Every structure is written in C-alpha cells, then in structure tokens.
Full PDB file with SEQRES, HELIX, SHEET, SSBOND, CRYST1, ORIGX, SCALE, CONECT and MASTER records, all heavy atoms in Angstrom:
SEQRES   1 A   31  ALA VAL GLU GLU ALA ALA LEU ALA SER PRO ASP PHE ALA          
SEQRES   2 A   31  VAL LYS GLY ARG VAL ASP ARG ALA ASP ARG HIS PRO ALA          
SEQRES   3 A   31  ASP ARG GLY GLY TRP                                          
HELIX    1 AA1 VAL A    2  LEU A    7  1                                   6    
HELIX    2 AA2 ARG A   20  ASP A   22  5                                   3    
CRYST1    1.000    1.000    1.000  90.00  90.00  90.00 P 1           1          
ORIGX1      1.000000  0.000000  0.000000        0.00000                         
ORIGX2      0.000000  1.000000  0.000000        0.00000                         
ORIGX3      0.000000  0.000000  1.000000        0.00000                         
SCALE1      1.000000  0.000000  0.000000        0.00000                         
SCALE2      0.000000  1.000000  0.000000        0.00000                         
SCALE3      0.000000  0.000000  1.000000        0.00000                         
ATOM      1  N   ALA A   1     -20.682  42.346 -68.668  1.00  0.00           N  
ATOM      2  CA  ALA A   1     -20.082  43.616 -69.307  1.00  0.00           C  
ATOM      3  C   ALA A   1     -20.016  43.605 -70.739  1.00  0.00           C  
ATOM      4  O   ALA A   1     -20.338  44.635 -71.367  1.00  0.00           O  
ATOM      5  CB  ALA A   1     -18.631  43.700 -68.686  1.00  0.00           C  
ATOM      6  N   VAL A   2     -19.745  42.530 -71.379  1.00  0.00           N  
ATOM      7  CA  VAL A   2     -19.787  42.420 -72.848  1.00  0.00           C  
ATOM      8  C   VAL A   2     -21.135  42.679 -73.371  1.00  0.00           C  
ATOM      9  O   VAL A   2     -21.338  43.404 -74.434  1.00  0.00           O  
ATOM     10  CB  VAL A   2     -19.195  41.043 -73.407  1.00  0.00           C  
ATOM     11  CG1 VAL A   2     -19.400  40.999 -74.912  1.00  0.00           C  
ATOM     12  CG2 VAL A   2     -17.748  41.026 -72.989  1.00  0.00           C  
ATOM     13  N   GLU A   3     -22.132  42.020 -72.810  1.00  0.00           N  
ATOM     14  CA  GLU A   3     -23.505  42.249 -73.219  1.00  0.00           C  
ATOM     15  C   GLU A   3     -23.945  43.664 -73.112  1.00  0.00           C  
ATOM     16  O   GLU A   3     -24.630  44.341 -74.054  1.00  0.00           O  
ATOM     17  CB  GLU A   3     -24.403  41.369 -72.544  1.00  0.00           C  
ATOM     18  CG  GLU A   3     -25.848  41.594 -72.932  1.00  0.00           C  
ATOM     19  CD  GLU A   3     -26.809  40.461 -72.421  1.00  0.00           C  
ATOM     20  OE1 GLU A   3     -26.481  39.715 -71.492  1.00  0.00           O  
ATOM     21  OE2 GLU A   3     -28.087  40.505 -72.843  1.00  0.00           O  
ATOM     22  N   GLU A   4     -23.658  44.339 -71.988  1.00  0.00           N  
ATOM     23  CA  GLU A   4     -23.958  45.738 -71.791  1.00  0.00           C  
ATOM     24  C   GLU A   4     -23.329  46.616 -72.813  1.00  0.00           C  
ATOM     25  O   GLU A   4     -24.044  47.511 -73.504  1.00  0.00           O  
ATOM     26  CB  GLU A   4     -23.531  46.192 -70.457  1.00  0.00           C  
ATOM     27  CG  GLU A   4     -23.876  47.607 -70.166  1.00  0.00           C  
ATOM     28  CD  GLU A   4     -23.562  48.019 -68.676  1.00  0.00           C  
ATOM     29  OE1 GLU A   4     -23.010  47.181 -67.925  1.00  0.00           O  
ATOM     30  OE2 GLU A   4     -23.645  49.254 -68.340  1.00  0.00           O  
ATOM     31  N   ALA A   5     -22.104  46.380 -73.179  1.00  0.00           N  
ATOM     32  CA  ALA A   5     -21.466  47.225 -74.120  1.00  0.00           C  
ATOM     33  C   ALA A   5     -21.948  46.776 -75.553  1.00  0.00           C  
ATOM     34  O   ALA A   5     -22.101  47.816 -76.352  1.00  0.00           O  
ATOM     35  CB  ALA A   5     -19.886  46.883 -74.196  1.00  0.00           C  
ATOM     36  N   ALA A   6     -22.278  45.549 -75.905  1.00  0.00           N  
ATOM     37  CA  ALA A   6     -22.792  45.326 -77.126  1.00  0.00           C  
ATOM     38  C   ALA A   6     -24.176  45.878 -77.406  1.00  0.00           C  
ATOM     39  O   ALA A   6     -24.487  46.350 -78.394  1.00  0.00           O  
ATOM     40  CB  ALA A   6     -22.918  43.738 -77.242  1.00  0.00           C  
ATOM     41  N   LEU A   7     -25.023  45.875 -76.322  1.00  0.00           N  
ATOM     42  CA  LEU A   7     -26.370  46.505 -76.470  1.00  0.00           C  
ATOM     43  C   LEU A   7     -26.287  47.995 -76.784  1.00  0.00           C  
ATOM     44  O   LEU A   7     -27.245  48.517 -77.340  1.00  0.00           O  
ATOM     45  CB  LEU A   7     -27.212  46.254 -75.207  1.00  0.00           C  
ATOM     46  CG  LEU A   7     -27.577  44.752 -74.974  1.00  0.00           C  
ATOM     47  CD1 LEU A   7     -28.301  44.514 -73.673  1.00  0.00           C  
ATOM     48  CD2 LEU A   7     -28.375  44.214 -76.143  1.00  0.00           C  
ATOM     49  N   ALA A   8     -25.283  48.616 -76.242  1.00  0.00           N  
ATOM     50  CA  ALA A   8     -25.082  50.046 -76.506  1.00  0.00           C  
ATOM     51  C   ALA A   8     -24.412  50.398 -77.814  1.00  0.00           C  
ATOM     52  O   ALA A   8     -24.295  51.575 -78.175  1.00  0.00           O  
ATOM     53  CB  ALA A   8     -24.262  50.697 -75.351  1.00  0.00           C  
ATOM     54  N   SER A   9     -23.990  49.368 -78.576  1.00  0.00           N  
ATOM     55  CA  SER A   9     -23.315  49.615 -79.826  1.00  0.00           C  
ATOM     56  C   SER A   9     -24.270  49.252 -80.964  1.00  0.00           C  
ATOM     57  O   SER A   9     -25.010  48.312 -81.046  1.00  0.00           O  
ATOM     58  CB  SER A   9     -22.140  48.662 -79.891  1.00  0.00           C  
ATOM     59  OG  SER A   9     -21.494  48.771 -81.207  1.00  0.00           O  
ATOM     60  N   PRO A  10     -24.244  50.149 -82.046  1.00  0.00           N  
ATOM     61  CA  PRO A  10     -25.108  49.921 -83.187  1.00  0.00           C  
ATOM     62  C   PRO A  10     -24.790  48.773 -84.148  1.00  0.00           C  
ATOM     63  O   PRO A  10     -25.505  48.422 -84.877  1.00  0.00           O  
ATOM     64  CB  PRO A  10     -25.128  51.251 -83.887  1.00  0.00           C  
ATOM     65  CG  PRO A  10     -23.739  51.838 -83.559  1.00  0.00           C  
ATOM     66  CD  PRO A  10     -23.433  51.383 -82.219  1.00  0.00           C  
ATOM     67  N   ASP A  11     -23.588  48.233 -83.989  1.00  0.00           N  
ATOM     68  CA  ASP A  11     -23.044  47.161 -84.992  1.00  0.00           C  
ATOM     69  C   ASP A  11     -23.150  45.768 -84.385  1.00  0.00           C  
ATOM     70  O   ASP A  11     -22.542  44.916 -85.030  1.00  0.00           O  
ATOM     71  CB  ASP A  11     -21.680  47.644 -85.482  1.00  0.00           C  
ATOM     72  CG  ASP A  11     -20.730  47.892 -84.407  1.00  0.00           C  
ATOM     73  OD1 ASP A  11     -21.049  48.022 -83.201  1.00  0.00           O  
ATOM     74  OD2 ASP A  11     -19.488  48.023 -84.686  1.00  0.00           O  
ATOM     75  N   PHE A  12     -23.701  45.697 -83.151  1.00  0.00           N  
ATOM     76  CA  PHE A  12     -23.805  44.242 -82.631  1.00  0.00           C  
ATOM     77  C   PHE A  12     -25.235  43.987 -82.326  1.00  0.00           C  
ATOM     78  O   PHE A  12     -26.055  44.887 -81.849  1.00  0.00           O  
ATOM     79  CB  PHE A  12     -23.041  44.161 -81.361  1.00  0.00           C  
ATOM     80  CG  PHE A  12     -21.517  44.146 -81.624  1.00  0.00           C  
ATOM     81  CD1 PHE A  12     -20.780  45.269 -81.426  1.00  0.00           C  
ATOM     82  CD2 PHE A  12     -20.891  43.015 -82.127  1.00  0.00           C  
ATOM     83  CE1 PHE A  12     -19.358  45.271 -81.604  1.00  0.00           C  
ATOM     84  CE2 PHE A  12     -19.507  43.090 -82.341  1.00  0.00           C  
ATOM     85  CZ  PHE A  12     -18.833  44.219 -82.128  1.00  0.00           C  
ATOM     86  N   ALA A  13     -25.589  42.679 -82.418  1.00  0.00           N  
ATOM     87  CA  ALA A  13     -26.813  42.080 -81.895  1.00  0.00           C  
ATOM     88  C   ALA A  13     -26.482  40.896 -81.106  1.00  0.00           C  
ATOM     89  O   ALA A  13     -25.913  39.994 -81.599  1.00  0.00           O  
ATOM     90  CB  ALA A  13     -27.815  41.848 -83.121  1.00  0.00           C  
ATOM     91  N   VAL A  14     -27.102  40.729 -79.874  1.00  0.00           N  
ATOM     92  CA  VAL A  14     -26.806  39.531 -79.081  1.00  0.00           C  
ATOM     93  C   VAL A  14     -27.916  38.488 -79.542  1.00  0.00           C  
ATOM     94  O   VAL A  14     -29.049  38.548 -79.220  1.00  0.00           O  
ATOM     95  CB  VAL A  14     -26.983  39.863 -77.600  1.00  0.00           C  
ATOM     96  CG1 VAL A  14     -26.768  38.644 -76.830  1.00  0.00           C  
ATOM     97  CG2 VAL A  14     -25.920  40.943 -77.151  1.00  0.00           C  
ATOM     98  N   LYS A  15     -27.368  37.497 -80.184  1.00  0.00           N  
ATOM     99  CA  LYS A  15     -28.151  36.453 -80.720  1.00  0.00           C  
ATOM    100  C   LYS A  15     -28.491  35.370 -79.708  1.00  0.00           C  
ATOM    101  O   LYS A  15     -29.668  34.707 -79.701  1.00  0.00           O  
ATOM    102  CB  LYS A  15     -27.423  35.793 -81.955  1.00  0.00           C  
ATOM    103  CG  LYS A  15     -28.189  34.628 -82.602  1.00  0.00           C  
ATOM    104  CD  LYS A  15     -27.316  34.084 -83.786  1.00  0.00           C  
ATOM    105  CE  LYS A  15     -28.111  32.945 -84.424  1.00  0.00           C  
ATOM    106  NZ  LYS A  15     -27.248  32.430 -85.536  1.00  0.00           N  
ATOM    107  N   GLY A  16     -27.581  35.101 -78.759  1.00  0.00           N  
ATOM    108  CA  GLY A  16     -27.775  34.018 -77.828  1.00  0.00           C  
ATOM    109  C   GLY A  16     -26.856  34.179 -76.607  1.00  0.00           C  
ATOM    110  O   GLY A  16     -25.842  34.821 -76.644  1.00  0.00           O  
ATOM    111  N   ARG A  17     -27.384  33.682 -75.434  1.00  0.00           N  
ATOM    112  CA  ARG A  17     -26.606  33.665 -74.238  1.00  0.00           C  
ATOM    113  C   ARG A  17     -26.621  32.246 -73.641  1.00  0.00           C  
ATOM    114  O   ARG A  17     -27.535  31.603 -73.594  1.00  0.00           O  
ATOM    115  CB  ARG A  17     -27.371  34.605 -73.199  1.00  0.00           C  
ATOM    116  CG  ARG A  17     -27.570  36.035 -73.749  1.00  0.00           C  
ATOM    117  CD  ARG A  17     -28.545  36.763 -72.758  1.00  0.00           C  
ATOM    118  NE  ARG A  17     -28.713  38.161 -73.248  1.00  0.00           N  
ATOM    119  CZ  ARG A  17     -29.603  38.436 -74.229  1.00  0.00           C  
ATOM    120  NH1 ARG A  17     -30.342  37.501 -74.775  1.00  0.00           N  
ATOM    121  NH2 ARG A  17     -29.798  39.667 -74.616  1.00  0.00           N  
ATOM    122  N   VAL A  18     -25.369  31.853 -73.343  1.00  0.00           N  
ATOM    123  CA  VAL A  18     -25.188  30.432 -72.823  1.00  0.00           C  
ATOM    124  C   VAL A  18     -24.343  30.598 -71.476  1.00  0.00           C  
ATOM    125  O   VAL A  18     -23.369  31.283 -71.441  1.00  0.00           O  
ATOM    126  CB  VAL A  18     -24.404  29.605 -73.823  1.00  0.00           C  
ATOM    127  CG1 VAL A  18     -24.166  28.127 -73.276  1.00  0.00           C  
ATOM    128  CG2 VAL A  18     -25.099  29.556 -75.210  1.00  0.00           C  
ATOM    129  N   ASP A  19     -24.851  29.826 -70.542  1.00  0.00           N  
ATOM    130  CA  ASP A  19     -24.089  29.817 -69.247  1.00  0.00           C  
ATOM    131  C   ASP A  19     -24.202  28.383 -68.551  1.00  0.00           C  
ATOM    132  O   ASP A  19     -24.973  27.612 -69.120  1.00  0.00           O  
ATOM    133  CB  ASP A  19     -24.576  30.891 -68.355  1.00  0.00           C  
ATOM    134  CG  ASP A  19     -23.391  31.303 -67.467  1.00  0.00           C  
ATOM    135  OD1 ASP A  19     -22.533  32.123 -67.896  1.00  0.00           O  
ATOM    136  OD2 ASP A  19     -23.409  30.935 -66.303  1.00  0.00           O  
ATOM    137  N   ARG A  20     -23.621  28.240 -67.537  1.00  0.00           N  
ATOM    138  CA  ARG A  20     -23.708  27.026 -66.818  1.00  0.00           C  
ATOM    139  C   ARG A  20     -25.119  26.640 -66.514  1.00  0.00           C  
ATOM    140  O   ARG A  20     -25.442  25.412 -66.293  1.00  0.00           O  
ATOM    141  CB  ARG A  20     -22.791  27.057 -65.549  1.00  0.00           C  
ATOM    142  CG  ARG A  20     -21.415  27.091 -65.794  1.00  0.00           C  
ATOM    143  CD  ARG A  20     -20.476  27.114 -64.646  1.00  0.00           C  
ATOM    144  NE  ARG A  20     -19.113  27.056 -64.935  1.00  0.00           N  
ATOM    145  CZ  ARG A  20     -18.402  25.912 -65.023  1.00  0.00           C  
ATOM    146  NH1 ARG A  20     -18.932  24.729 -65.006  1.00  0.00           N  
ATOM    147  NH2 ARG A  20     -17.132  26.051 -65.226  1.00  0.00           N  
ATOM    148  N   ALA A  21     -25.925  27.498 -66.188  1.00  0.00           N  
ATOM    149  CA  ALA A  21     -27.329  27.249 -65.885  1.00  0.00           C  
ATOM    150  C   ALA A  21     -28.057  26.506 -66.909  1.00  0.00           C  
ATOM    151  O   ALA A  21     -29.039  25.943 -66.767  1.00  0.00           O  
ATOM    152  CB  ALA A  21     -28.135  28.449 -65.343  1.00  0.00           C  
ATOM    153  N   ASP A  22     -27.549  26.645 -68.219  1.00  0.00           N  
ATOM    154  CA  ASP A  22     -28.194  26.064 -69.315  1.00  0.00           C  
ATOM    155  C   ASP A  22     -27.669  24.636 -69.604  1.00  0.00           C  
ATOM    156  O   ASP A  22     -28.017  24.045 -70.640  1.00  0.00           O  
ATOM    157  CB  ASP A  22     -27.886  26.825 -70.624  1.00  0.00           C  
ATOM    158  CG  ASP A  22     -28.422  28.338 -70.426  1.00  0.00           C  
ATOM    159  OD1 ASP A  22     -29.577  28.416 -69.818  1.00  0.00           O  
ATOM    160  OD2 ASP A  22     -27.787  29.233 -70.898  1.00  0.00           O  
ATOM    161  N   ARG A  23     -26.988  23.970 -68.770  1.00  0.00           N  
ATOM    162  CA  ARG A  23     -26.456  22.643 -69.060  1.00  0.00           C  
ATOM    163  C   ARG A  23     -27.559  21.646 -69.352  1.00  0.00           C  
ATOM    164  O   ARG A  23     -28.605  21.610 -68.671  1.00  0.00           O  
ATOM    165  CB  ARG A  23     -25.646  22.159 -67.820  1.00  0.00           C  
ATOM    166  CG  ARG A  23     -24.298  22.810 -67.681  1.00  0.00           C  
ATOM    167  CD  ARG A  23     -23.472  22.251 -66.679  1.00  0.00           C  
ATOM    168  NE  ARG A  23     -22.123  22.582 -66.687  1.00  0.00           N  
ATOM    169  CZ  ARG A  23     -21.168  22.456 -65.794  1.00  0.00           C  
ATOM    170  NH1 ARG A  23     -21.449  21.687 -64.706  1.00  0.00           N  
ATOM    171  NH2 ARG A  23     -19.928  22.875 -65.904  1.00  0.00           N  
ATOM    172  N   HIS A  24     -27.213  20.805 -70.264  1.00  0.00           N  
ATOM    173  CA  HIS A  24     -28.108  19.678 -70.603  1.00  0.00           C  
ATOM    174  C   HIS A  24     -27.610  18.412 -69.949  1.00  0.00           C  
ATOM    175  O   HIS A  24     -26.410  18.124 -69.957  1.00  0.00           O  
ATOM    176  CB  HIS A  24     -28.118  19.454 -72.129  1.00  0.00           C  
ATOM    177  CG  HIS A  24     -29.090  18.529 -72.574  1.00  0.00           C  
ATOM    178  ND1 HIS A  24     -28.992  17.132 -72.408  1.00  0.00           N  
ATOM    179  CD2 HIS A  24     -30.314  18.683 -73.203  1.00  0.00           C  
ATOM    180  CE1 HIS A  24     -30.118  16.503 -72.904  1.00  0.00           C  
ATOM    181  NE2 HIS A  24     -30.865  17.443 -73.450  1.00  0.00           N  
ATOM    182  N   PRO A  25     -28.523  17.645 -69.143  1.00  0.00           N  
ATOM    183  CA  PRO A  25     -27.940  16.498 -68.375  1.00  0.00           C  
ATOM    184  C   PRO A  25     -27.134  15.507 -69.175  1.00  0.00           C  
ATOM    185  O   PRO A  25     -26.280  14.820 -68.733  1.00  0.00           O  
ATOM    186  CB  PRO A  25     -29.300  15.975 -67.918  1.00  0.00           C  
ATOM    187  CG  PRO A  25     -30.233  17.054 -67.829  1.00  0.00           C  
ATOM    188  CD  PRO A  25     -29.916  17.868 -68.997  1.00  0.00           C  
ATOM    189  N   ALA A  26     -27.548  15.346 -70.585  1.00  0.00           N  
ATOM    190  CA  ALA A  26     -26.803  14.336 -71.298  1.00  0.00           C  
ATOM    191  C   ALA A  26     -25.502  14.822 -71.909  1.00  0.00           C  
ATOM    192  O   ALA A  26     -24.803  14.036 -72.497  1.00  0.00           O  
ATOM    193  CB  ALA A  26     -27.720  13.845 -72.421  1.00  0.00           C  
ATOM    194  N   ASP A  27     -25.269  16.137 -71.830  1.00  0.00           N  
ATOM    195  CA  ASP A  27     -24.080  16.609 -72.499  1.00  0.00           C  
ATOM    196  C   ASP A  27     -22.887  16.469 -71.565  1.00  0.00           C  
ATOM    197  O   ASP A  27     -23.032  16.660 -70.344  1.00  0.00           O  
ATOM    198  CB  ASP A  27     -24.302  18.193 -72.832  1.00  0.00           C  
ATOM    199  CG  ASP A  27     -23.158  18.639 -73.620  1.00  0.00           C  
ATOM    200  OD1 ASP A  27     -22.823  18.047 -74.698  1.00  0.00           O  
ATOM    201  OD2 ASP A  27     -22.646  19.731 -73.209  1.00  0.00           O  
ATOM    202  N   ARG A  28     -21.683  16.372 -72.150  1.00  0.00           N  
ATOM    203  CA  ARG A  28     -20.502  16.063 -71.328  1.00  0.00           C  
ATOM    204  C   ARG A  28     -20.103  17.281 -70.484  1.00  0.00           C  
ATOM    205  O   ARG A  28     -19.559  17.261 -69.434  1.00  0.00           O  
ATOM    206  CB  ARG A  28     -19.262  15.806 -72.215  1.00  0.00           C  
ATOM    207  CG  ARG A  28     -18.913  16.728 -73.205  1.00  0.00           C  
ATOM    208  CD  ARG A  28     -17.701  16.348 -74.028  1.00  0.00           C  
ATOM    209  NE  ARG A  28     -17.382  17.153 -75.176  1.00  0.00           N  
ATOM    210  CZ  ARG A  28     -16.571  18.220 -75.114  1.00  0.00           C  
ATOM    211  NH1 ARG A  28     -16.050  18.465 -73.974  1.00  0.00           N  
ATOM    212  NH2 ARG A  28     -16.372  18.887 -76.216  1.00  0.00           N  
ATOM    213  N   GLY A  29     -20.430  18.520 -70.967  1.00  0.00           N  
ATOM    214  CA  GLY A  29     -20.217  19.668 -70.188  1.00  0.00           C  
ATOM    215  C   GLY A  29     -21.344  20.571 -70.094  1.00  0.00           C  
ATOM    216  O   GLY A  29     -21.278  21.668 -69.437  1.00  0.00           O  
ATOM    217  N   GLY A  30     -22.343  20.382 -70.895  1.00  0.00           N  
ATOM    218  CA  GLY A  30     -23.545  21.277 -70.915  1.00  0.00           C  
ATOM    219  C   GLY A  30     -23.425  22.393 -71.899  1.00  0.00           C  
ATOM    220  O   GLY A  30     -24.284  23.157 -72.140  1.00  0.00           O  
ATOM    221  N   TRP A  31     -22.223  22.541 -72.501  1.00  0.00           N  
ATOM    222  CA  TRP A  31     -22.111  23.685 -73.323  1.00  0.00           C  
ATOM    223  C   TRP A  31     -22.439  23.440 -74.721  1.00  0.00           C  
ATOM    224  O   TRP A  31     -23.114  24.180 -75.487  1.00  0.00           O  
ATOM    225  CB  TRP A  31     -20.556  24.114 -73.315  1.00  0.00           C  
ATOM    226  CG  TRP A  31     -20.159  24.507 -71.960  1.00  0.00           C  
ATOM    227  CD1 TRP A  31     -19.558  23.792 -70.971  1.00  0.00           C  
ATOM    228  CD2 TRP A  31     -20.220  25.875 -71.362  1.00  0.00           C  
ATOM    229  NE1 TRP A  31     -19.284  24.433 -69.790  1.00  0.00           N  
ATOM    230  CE2 TRP A  31     -19.705  25.702 -70.054  1.00  0.00           C  
ATOM    231  CE3 TRP A  31     -20.690  27.053 -71.791  1.00  0.00           C  
ATOM    232  CZ2 TRP A  31     -19.600  26.823 -69.215  1.00  0.00           C  
ATOM    233  CZ3 TRP A  31     -20.637  28.144 -70.948  1.00  0.00           C  
ATOM    234  CH2 TRP A  31     -20.089  27.978 -69.687  1.00  0.00           C  
TER     235      TRP A  31                                                      
MASTER        0    0    0    2    0    0    0    6  234    1    0    3          
END                                                                             
C-alpha cells in the first residue's frame, strides 16, 4: 500500500524494496 501511494506521488521515489524473501543465509535476520 505504501509503495502504491508513493508511486502516485510526485515527491517520492522508491529506491529499494526489502522483504523476508531477500534474506542472506549468513545474516542473523536477513535484513
């Protein structure tokens, strides 16, 4: 919902998206 609203706004640019699917095996939480 935040991304959809940001994409419709002229003063925001979504630079990156991070979620659980992006976990790194060596990281303690993947974040």
